[in-house]
Amino acid sequence: MTDTRSQLDDAAIDFHTAEPAAWSVATWFAVLSMAATSFALVSAEFLPAGLLTPMARDLGISEGTAGQVVTATASIGAVTALLSNVLIGRMNRKTVLVGLSALAIGSNILAALATDFWLLLLGRAGLGIALSGFWALSVAVVARLVGANATGRGMAIVTLGVSLATIAAPSVGALISDWLGWRSAMAMTAGLAALAMLLQVLSLPTLPASTGNSLADVFSLTGRRGVQLGMLAILLLMTGHFAGSVYVRPFLEKVTLLETGPIAMALLGFGIAAVIGNIAGGRVADVNIRMALAITAAIMAFAALALVLWGVHISAAFGFVTLWGFAFGMAPVVLPTNLSRGAPDALEAAGSLMVVSFQVAISIGAVFGGYVVDHYGAVGPLTLTSALAASTVALALTQPRS
């Protein structure tokens, strides 16, 4: 493979080259710096889940109000995703990524030092900007680092940070909060972002922009059939996932009749399977993205439906929760790679649409999942997950072969 520091043109990438070349040491370090950044950012995003009670008590607010810091992160991220690649213009993409990590450091420090809810909210809003900017650039940067025909494998490593953060952040954050206080736990994420920034500075090649993006460029991509199908796949599958996954614990409590300890073990199995799914998703996506999407959605549809049908049995519940985790691990690799196939000449603009699609799906999933569980009980959201995932299978099979 040519030295990654000379692979600077991200226009008109060919996704159909035969076999990915071996990665150089420099390439590995560059991709790992992106994975470290995803771990740092997502750890900070999920951290409040383990800190709500002490954080609310210290700031003199309700737990429900404290929970809005998560909503603020997602809401700001959705808006920023549309504008991030426009605002950065022709700035060197390495400079942008390092700057986003610096923003995450400052935002986490502000949140850790916040004396009232509004300062905390401001810090979390800054984190939302850093998150959306990073993910909007991620596919384009990874494609430039590893070659477009290995984008799936590269994104699998980057999104591995997401799976690890999902497992570690809430639990480790809660432990540190009990030991040293919630502010120390929040400050820890600033340290993670600082380490990620250092790795970016040392390992990322210079990445000058070959073109700038305008808002019109971003919206013009929505006229392409491949982009439309890619966005629809994200909306269907991730709406289904987030509508149901939030209610897996209530399902295990009310249907499987598990205590807290076994539920924690089941959710740990979900997280470990997600890590394995990350790796598998990258491999399959680089071979045949159409089938990768169909397999991911089919596994999630089956796992959710099987829980509804047989989740009363403890062994079945453990197995199908784990299988769901595997599918969820594949999704953050397969879905962005699938969308990028529709715009190989505009990966950064496509990245903005990808982030917006994910954020909208999360919001819709939360609303519909809450409505369904209130009206149909614990099995309702899982049934909705299965139906939307099955629809994604049908969508995948209508896509052109790649």
Protein backbone atom coordinates (compact mmCIF):
# COMPACT_ATOMS: atom_id res chain seq x y z
CA MET A 1 0.00 0.00 0.00
CA THR A 2 1.18 3.52 -0.75
CA ASP A 3 2.20 5.50 2.34
CA THR A 4 -0.98 6.80 3.98
CA ARG A 5 0.51 10.28 4.20
CA SER A 6 0.27 10.63 0.43
CA GLN A 7 -3.33 9.38 0.12
CA LEU A 8 -5.00 12.74 0.25
CA ASP A 9 -7.63 12.81 -2.48
CA ASP A 10 -11.10 11.86 -1.20
CA ALA A 11 -13.01 12.50 -4.42
CA ALA A 12 -14.57 9.77 -6.58
CA ILE A 13 -13.50 6.74 -4.55
CA ASP A 14 -13.81 3.31 -6.17
CA PHE A 15 -15.60 0.84 -3.90
CA HIS A 16 -15.14 -2.18 -6.13
CA THR A 17 -11.41 -2.87 -6.05
CA ALA A 18 -10.67 -6.53 -5.60
CA GLU A 19 -8.73 -7.12 -2.40
CA PRO A 20 -7.75 -4.77 0.43
CA ALA A 21 -4.01 -4.26 0.68
CA ALA A 22 -2.11 -4.95 3.89
CA TRP A 23 -2.07 -1.98 6.24
CA SER A 24 1.17 -0.30 7.19
CA VAL A 25 2.10 0.40 10.81
CA ALA A 26 1.31 4.09 10.24
CA THR A 27 -2.17 3.17 8.97
CA TRP A 28 -2.86 1.00 12.02
CA PHE A 29 -1.87 3.79 14.42
CA ALA A 30 -3.97 6.33 12.52
CA VAL A 31 -7.07 4.10 12.61
CA LEU A 32 -6.48 3.29 16.28
CA SER A 33 -6.34 7.03 17.05
CA MET A 34 -9.82 7.31 15.51
CA ALA A 35 -11.00 4.38 17.64
CA ALA A 36 -9.56 6.04 20.76
CA THR A 37 -11.47 9.21 19.86
CA SER A 38 -14.75 7.34 19.42
CA PHE A 39 -14.19 5.65 22.80
CA ALA A 40 -13.50 8.97 24.52
CA LEU A 41 -16.47 10.77 22.97
CA VAL A 42 -19.02 8.00 23.46
CA SER A 43 -17.80 7.38 27.03
CA ALA A 44 -18.56 11.02 27.78
CA GLU A 45 -21.94 10.72 26.01
CA PHE A 46 -23.07 7.68 28.03
CA LEU A 47 -21.48 8.66 31.34
CA PRO A 48 -24.53 10.47 32.81
CA ALA A 49 -26.44 7.16 32.87
CA GLY A 50 -24.34 6.15 35.87
CA LEU A 51 -24.19 9.60 37.50
CA LEU A 52 -27.76 10.94 37.46
CA THR A 53 -28.55 10.51 41.15
CA PRO A 54 -25.44 12.17 42.67
CA MET A 55 -25.32 14.77 39.90
CA ALA A 56 -28.95 15.78 40.47
CA ARG A 57 -28.47 15.88 44.25
CA ASP A 58 -25.36 18.05 44.03
CA LEU A 59 -26.89 20.55 41.61
CA GLY A 60 -30.24 20.67 43.41
CA ILE A 61 -32.31 19.44 40.46
CA SER A 62 -34.55 16.43 39.81
CA GLU A 63 -33.19 13.29 38.16
CA GLY A 64 -35.54 13.92 35.25
CA THR A 65 -34.03 17.37 34.73
CA ALA A 66 -30.52 15.94 35.02
CA GLY A 67 -31.41 13.41 32.36
CA GLN A 68 -31.95 16.24 29.89
CA VAL A 69 -28.18 16.56 29.55
CA VAL A 70 -28.38 13.48 27.31
CA THR A 71 -31.17 15.06 25.25
CA ALA A 72 -29.08 18.23 24.87
CA THR A 73 -26.13 16.25 23.53
CA ALA A 74 -28.28 14.48 20.92
CA SER A 75 -30.27 17.57 19.89
CA ILE A 76 -27.22 19.77 19.37
CA GLY A 77 -25.55 16.90 17.54
CA ALA A 78 -28.40 16.56 15.05
CA VAL A 79 -28.28 20.25 14.10
CA THR A 80 -24.48 20.39 14.03
CA ALA A 81 -24.27 17.34 11.77
CA LEU A 82 -25.90 19.27 8.93
CA LEU A 83 -23.61 22.27 9.34
CA SER A 84 -20.28 20.81 10.46
CA ASN A 85 -18.90 19.91 7.05
CA VAL A 86 -20.09 23.26 5.70
CA LEU A 87 -18.51 25.34 8.45
CA ILE A 88 -15.10 23.64 8.29
CA GLY A 89 -14.78 24.59 4.61
CA ARG A 90 -11.30 23.74 3.31
CA MET A 91 -9.65 23.35 6.71
CA ASN A 92 -7.21 20.47 7.03
CA ARG A 93 -9.25 17.52 8.30
CA LYS A 94 -6.56 16.52 10.78
CA THR A 95 -6.73 20.01 12.27
CA VAL A 96 -10.52 19.72 12.49
CA LEU A 97 -10.37 16.35 14.26
CA VAL A 98 -7.78 17.58 16.74
CA GLY A 99 -9.91 20.68 17.31
CA LEU A 100 -13.00 18.56 17.98
CA SER A 101 -11.06 16.57 20.58
CA ALA A 102 -9.94 19.85 22.18
CA LEU A 103 -13.59 20.94 22.27
CA ALA A 104 -14.50 17.66 23.99
CA ILE A 105 -11.78 18.25 26.60
CA GLY A 106 -13.06 21.75 27.35
CA SER A 107 -16.71 20.64 27.38
CA ASN A 108 -16.05 17.79 29.80
CA ILE A 109 -14.04 20.05 32.11
CA LEU A 110 -16.84 22.64 32.06
CA ALA A 111 -19.38 19.91 32.91
CA ALA A 112 -17.16 18.64 35.74
CA LEU A 113 -16.85 22.14 37.22
CA ALA A 114 -20.47 23.20 36.62
CA THR A 115 -22.09 24.90 39.60
CA ASP A 116 -25.60 24.88 38.13
CA PHE A 117 -27.68 23.05 35.57
CA TRP A 118 -27.16 25.60 32.79
CA LEU A 119 -23.38 25.37 32.88
CA LEU A 120 -23.70 21.58 32.82
CA LEU A 121 -26.04 21.88 29.83
CA LEU A 122 -23.56 24.18 28.05
CA GLY A 123 -20.77 21.67 28.57
CA ARG A 124 -22.90 18.84 27.20
CA ALA A 125 -23.88 20.95 24.18
CA GLY A 126 -20.18 21.35 23.36
CA LEU A 127 -19.79 17.59 23.58
CA GLY A 128 -22.69 17.20 21.13
CA ILE A 129 -20.85 19.39 18.61
CA ALA A 130 -17.66 17.35 19.01
CA LEU A 131 -19.54 14.07 18.63
CA SER A 132 -21.48 15.01 15.51
CA GLY A 133 -18.47 16.62 13.84
CA PHE A 134 -16.33 13.55 14.45
CA TRP A 135 -18.90 11.06 13.13
CA ALA A 136 -19.73 13.22 10.12
CA LEU A 137 -16.07 13.04 9.06
CA SER A 138 -15.36 9.49 10.18
CA VAL A 139 -16.21 7.47 7.06
CA ALA A 140 -14.42 9.89 4.72
CA VAL A 141 -11.29 9.98 6.89
CA VAL A 142 -11.21 6.20 7.33
CA ALA A 143 -11.62 5.69 3.58
CA ARG A 144 -8.61 7.96 2.99
CA LEU A 145 -6.54 6.14 5.60
CA VAL A 146 -7.19 2.52 4.60
CA GLY A 147 -8.55 2.69 1.05
CA ALA A 148 -12.22 2.61 0.14
CA ASN A 149 -12.28 -1.16 -0.38
CA ALA A 150 -11.37 -1.64 3.30
CA THR A 151 -13.70 1.02 4.70
CA GLY A 152 -15.85 -1.57 6.48
CA ARG A 153 -12.86 -3.07 8.27
CA GLY A 154 -11.59 0.38 9.20
CA MET A 155 -14.96 1.52 10.52
CA ALA A 156 -15.26 -1.72 12.51
CA ILE A 157 -12.15 -0.73 14.46
CA VAL A 158 -13.38 2.84 14.94
CA THR A 159 -16.82 1.76 16.13
CA LEU A 160 -15.23 -0.80 18.43
CA GLY A 161 -14.69 2.21 20.66
CA VAL A 162 -18.48 2.69 20.75
CA SER A 163 -19.13 -0.86 21.95
CA LEU A 164 -16.42 -0.69 24.60
CA ALA A 165 -17.67 2.68 25.82
CA THR A 166 -21.25 1.39 25.96
CA ILE A 167 -20.11 -1.40 28.26
CA ALA A 168 -17.62 0.53 30.39
CA ALA A 169 -18.82 4.13 30.74
CA PRO A 170 -21.99 3.78 32.84
CA SER A 171 -20.60 1.12 35.19
CA VAL A 172 -17.08 2.53 35.60
CA GLY A 173 -18.49 6.03 35.89
CA ALA A 174 -20.81 4.91 38.68
CA LEU A 175 -17.92 3.27 40.55
CA ILE A 176 -15.69 6.35 40.27
CA SER A 177 -18.60 8.54 41.29
CA ASP A 178 -19.16 6.48 44.45
CA TRP A 179 -15.44 6.59 45.23
CA LEU A 180 -14.37 10.11 44.24
CA GLY A 181 -17.58 11.91 43.27
CA TRP A 182 -19.41 12.50 39.99
CA ARG A 183 -17.21 15.46 39.08
CA SER A 184 -14.12 13.25 39.11
CA ALA A 185 -15.88 10.78 36.83
CA MET A 186 -16.75 13.60 34.43
CA ALA A 187 -13.18 14.90 34.54
CA MET A 188 -11.96 11.41 33.65
CA THR A 189 -13.62 11.73 30.24
CA ALA A 190 -11.65 14.94 29.66
CA GLY A 191 -8.50 12.88 30.26
CA LEU A 192 -9.65 10.27 27.74
CA ALA A 193 -10.26 12.99 25.16
CA ALA A 194 -6.79 14.44 25.84
CA LEU A 195 -5.20 11.04 25.25
CA ALA A 196 -7.17 10.65 22.01
CA MET A 197 -6.07 14.12 20.86
CA LEU A 198 -2.43 13.24 21.54
CA LEU A 199 -2.77 10.06 19.45
CA GLN A 200 -4.36 12.08 16.63
CA VAL A 201 -1.52 14.59 16.63
CA LEU A 202 1.12 11.84 16.55
CA SER A 203 -0.45 9.38 14.12
CA LEU A 204 -2.89 11.02 11.72
CA PRO A 205 -1.43 12.09 8.38
CA THR A 206 -2.09 15.56 7.09
CA LEU A 207 -5.51 15.53 5.45
CA PRO A 208 -6.07 18.70 3.41
CA ALA A 209 -9.55 19.08 1.98
CA SER A 210 -9.79 18.66 -1.77
CA THR A 211 -13.17 20.42 -1.86
CA GLY A 212 -15.41 22.43 0.44
CA ASN A 213 -19.01 21.52 1.18
CA SER A 214 -22.06 23.74 1.07
CA LEU A 215 -25.46 23.04 2.61
CA ALA A 216 -26.77 22.70 -0.95
CA ASP A 217 -24.16 19.99 -1.62
CA VAL A 218 -25.35 18.06 1.43
CA PHE A 219 -29.03 18.29 0.55
CA SER A 220 -28.39 17.51 -3.13
CA LEU A 221 -27.22 14.03 -2.13
CA THR A 222 -30.73 13.21 -0.94
CA GLY A 223 -31.74 13.01 -4.60
CA ARG A 224 -29.53 9.97 -5.16
CA ARG A 225 -31.29 6.62 -4.84
CA GLY A 226 -28.37 4.99 -3.05
CA VAL A 227 -28.29 7.74 -0.44
CA GLN A 228 -32.07 7.60 -0.03
CA LEU A 229 -31.94 3.85 0.59
CA GLY A 230 -28.98 4.24 2.94
CA MET A 231 -30.75 6.87 5.04
CA LEU A 232 -33.97 4.85 5.07
CA ALA A 233 -32.06 1.77 6.25
CA ILE A 234 -30.63 3.77 9.18
CA LEU A 235 -34.03 5.20 10.07
CA LEU A 236 -35.77 1.82 10.00
CA LEU A 237 -33.17 -0.30 11.78
CA MET A 238 -32.03 2.22 14.38
CA THR A 239 -35.56 3.40 15.16
CA GLY A 240 -36.42 -0.24 15.75
CA HIS A 241 -33.35 -0.84 17.89
CA PHE A 242 -33.76 2.21 20.12
CA ALA A 243 -37.52 1.66 20.42
CA GLY A 244 -36.90 -1.80 21.86
CA SER A 245 -33.46 -1.94 23.44
CA VAL A 246 -34.32 0.57 26.18
CA TYR A 247 -37.02 -1.84 27.36
CA VAL A 248 -34.98 -5.05 27.38
CA ARG A 249 -34.41 -4.69 31.13
CA PRO A 250 -38.14 -4.23 31.92
CA PHE A 251 -38.85 -7.23 29.68
CA LEU A 252 -36.35 -9.38 31.58
CA GLU A 253 -37.86 -8.21 34.88
CA LYS A 254 -41.53 -8.65 34.01
CA VAL A 255 -41.53 -11.52 31.51
CA THR A 256 -38.43 -13.59 32.27
CA LEU A 257 -38.74 -12.67 35.98
CA LEU A 258 -35.02 -12.13 36.51
CA GLU A 259 -33.40 -10.39 39.47
CA THR A 260 -30.90 -7.54 39.13
CA GLY A 261 -27.79 -9.78 39.09
CA PRO A 262 -28.86 -12.04 36.21
CA ILE A 263 -30.13 -9.00 34.28
CA ALA A 264 -26.70 -7.39 34.61
CA MET A 265 -25.12 -10.60 33.27
CA ALA A 266 -27.52 -10.65 30.32
CA LEU A 267 -26.71 -7.02 29.47
CA LEU A 268 -23.00 -7.78 29.78
CA GLY A 269 -23.50 -10.56 27.25
CA PHE A 270 -25.21 -8.02 24.99
CA GLY A 271 -22.17 -5.74 25.23
CA ILE A 272 -19.57 -8.46 24.63
CA ALA A 273 -21.54 -9.75 21.63
CA ALA A 274 -21.66 -6.19 20.26
CA VAL A 275 -17.85 -6.07 20.27
CA ILE A 276 -17.74 -9.32 18.27
CA GLY A 277 -20.42 -7.97 15.95
CA ASN A 278 -18.25 -4.91 15.24
CA ILE A 279 -15.49 -7.12 13.91
CA ALA A 280 -17.81 -9.38 11.93
CA GLY A 281 -19.65 -6.40 10.45
CA GLY A 282 -16.46 -4.91 9.05
CA ARG A 283 -15.49 -8.14 7.34
CA VAL A 284 -18.90 -8.77 5.79
CA ALA A 285 -19.42 -5.14 4.73
CA ASP A 286 -16.24 -5.14 2.64
CA VAL A 287 -17.31 -8.33 0.85
CA ASN A 288 -20.97 -7.55 0.04
CA ILE A 289 -22.63 -4.56 1.66
CA ARG A 290 -26.12 -5.53 0.46
CA MET A 291 -25.95 -8.91 2.16
CA ALA A 292 -24.22 -7.40 5.21
CA LEU A 293 -27.22 -5.11 5.73
CA ALA A 294 -29.70 -7.95 5.19
CA ILE A 295 -27.87 -10.22 7.64
CA THR A 296 -27.59 -7.51 10.30
CA ALA A 297 -31.29 -6.66 10.10
CA ALA A 298 -32.38 -10.31 9.91
CA ILE A 299 -30.45 -11.22 13.06
CA MET A 300 -31.95 -8.28 14.97
CA ALA A 301 -35.47 -9.08 13.72
CA PHE A 302 -35.14 -12.72 14.73
CA ALA A 303 -33.59 -11.97 18.13
CA ALA A 304 -36.31 -9.48 19.10
CA LEU A 305 -39.15 -11.72 17.89
CA ALA A 306 -37.63 -14.78 19.57
CA LEU A 307 -37.50 -12.87 22.87
CA VAL A 308 -41.22 -12.14 22.54
CA LEU A 309 -42.03 -15.77 21.74
CA TRP A 310 -39.65 -17.63 24.06
CA GLY A 311 -38.20 -14.99 26.40
CA VAL A 312 -40.08 -16.42 29.37
CA HIS A 313 -37.39 -19.11 29.49
CA ILE A 314 -34.16 -17.92 31.14
CA SER A 315 -31.73 -19.68 28.80
CA ALA A 316 -33.61 -18.43 25.73
CA ALA A 317 -33.68 -14.89 27.10
CA PHE A 318 -29.93 -14.88 27.67
CA GLY A 319 -29.24 -16.31 24.22
CA PHE A 320 -31.47 -13.94 22.27
CA VAL A 321 -30.35 -10.83 24.18
CA THR A 322 -26.79 -11.81 23.27
CA LEU A 323 -27.78 -12.34 19.63
CA TRP A 324 -29.40 -8.90 19.59
CA GLY A 325 -26.14 -7.44 20.89
CA PHE A 326 -24.26 -9.09 18.04
CA ALA A 327 -26.59 -7.47 15.48
CA PHE A 328 -26.32 -4.11 17.20
CA GLY A 329 -22.53 -4.35 17.03
CA MET A 330 -22.70 -4.93 13.27
CA ALA A 331 -25.08 -2.02 12.64
CA PRO A 332 -22.75 1.00 13.28
CA VAL A 333 -20.31 -0.49 10.78
CA VAL A 334 -22.71 -1.73 8.12
CA LEU A 335 -25.14 1.21 8.05
CA PRO A 336 -22.58 4.03 7.44
CA THR A 337 -20.69 1.88 4.93
CA ASN A 338 -23.95 1.15 3.12
CA LEU A 339 -24.85 4.85 2.94
CA SER A 340 -21.37 5.78 1.70
CA ARG A 341 -21.82 3.48 -1.32
CA GLY A 342 -24.43 5.91 -2.59
CA ALA A 343 -22.00 8.86 -2.61
CA PRO A 344 -18.41 7.67 -3.17
CA ASP A 345 -17.51 11.13 -4.50
CA ALA A 346 -18.96 13.03 -1.51
CA LEU A 347 -18.20 11.02 1.60
CA GLU A 348 -18.06 14.00 3.96
CA ALA A 349 -21.48 15.32 2.91
CA ALA A 350 -22.85 11.78 3.13
CA GLY A 351 -21.38 11.58 6.62
CA SER A 352 -23.46 14.56 7.68
CA LEU A 353 -26.63 12.88 6.42
CA MET A 354 -25.60 9.68 8.19
CA VAL A 355 -25.27 11.42 11.56
CA VAL A 356 -28.59 13.24 11.12
CA SER A 357 -30.29 9.94 10.24
CA PHE A 358 -28.93 8.27 13.37
CA GLN A 359 -29.98 11.15 15.63
CA VAL A 360 -33.49 11.29 14.12
CA ALA A 361 -33.81 7.51 14.49
CA ILE A 362 -32.79 7.69 18.15
CA SER A 363 -35.39 10.40 18.81
CA ILE A 364 -38.20 8.62 16.94
CA GLY A 365 -37.33 5.32 18.56
CA ALA A 366 -37.52 6.86 22.03
CA VAL A 367 -40.94 8.41 21.34
CA PHE A 368 -42.51 5.33 19.71
CA GLY A 369 -40.95 2.92 22.20
CA GLY A 370 -42.37 4.89 25.11
CA TYR A 371 -45.83 5.01 23.52
CA VAL A 372 -45.88 1.30 22.72
CA VAL A 373 -44.68 0.15 26.15
CA ASP A 374 -47.33 2.31 27.85
CA HIS A 375 -50.12 0.86 25.74
CA TYR A 376 -49.01 -2.71 25.02
CA GLY A 377 -46.65 -3.65 27.82
CA ALA A 378 -43.05 -4.92 27.83
CA VAL A 379 -43.42 -7.11 24.72
CA GLY A 380 -44.73 -4.25 22.56
CA PRO A 381 -41.44 -2.40 21.90
CA LEU A 382 -39.65 -5.68 21.07
CA THR A 383 -42.37 -6.55 18.56
CA LEU A 384 -41.89 -3.12 16.98
CA THR A 385 -38.13 -3.73 16.81
CA SER A 386 -38.68 -7.00 14.99
CA ALA A 387 -41.10 -5.47 12.49
CA LEU A 388 -38.84 -2.54 11.61
CA ALA A 389 -35.76 -4.76 11.35
CA ALA A 390 -37.66 -7.14 9.06
CA SER A 391 -38.59 -4.14 6.89
CA THR A 392 -34.88 -3.32 6.68
CA VAL A 393 -34.19 -6.82 5.37
CA ALA A 394 -36.71 -6.24 2.56
CA LEU A 395 -35.12 -2.85 1.84
CA ALA A 396 -31.63 -4.37 1.68
CA LEU A 397 -32.73 -6.95 -0.85
CA THR A 398 -34.07 -4.22 -3.16
CA GLN A 399 -30.72 -2.45 -3.32
CA PRO A 400 -28.42 -2.85 -6.32
CA ARG A 401 -25.74 -5.49 -5.83
CA SER A 402 -22.30 -4.26 -4.73
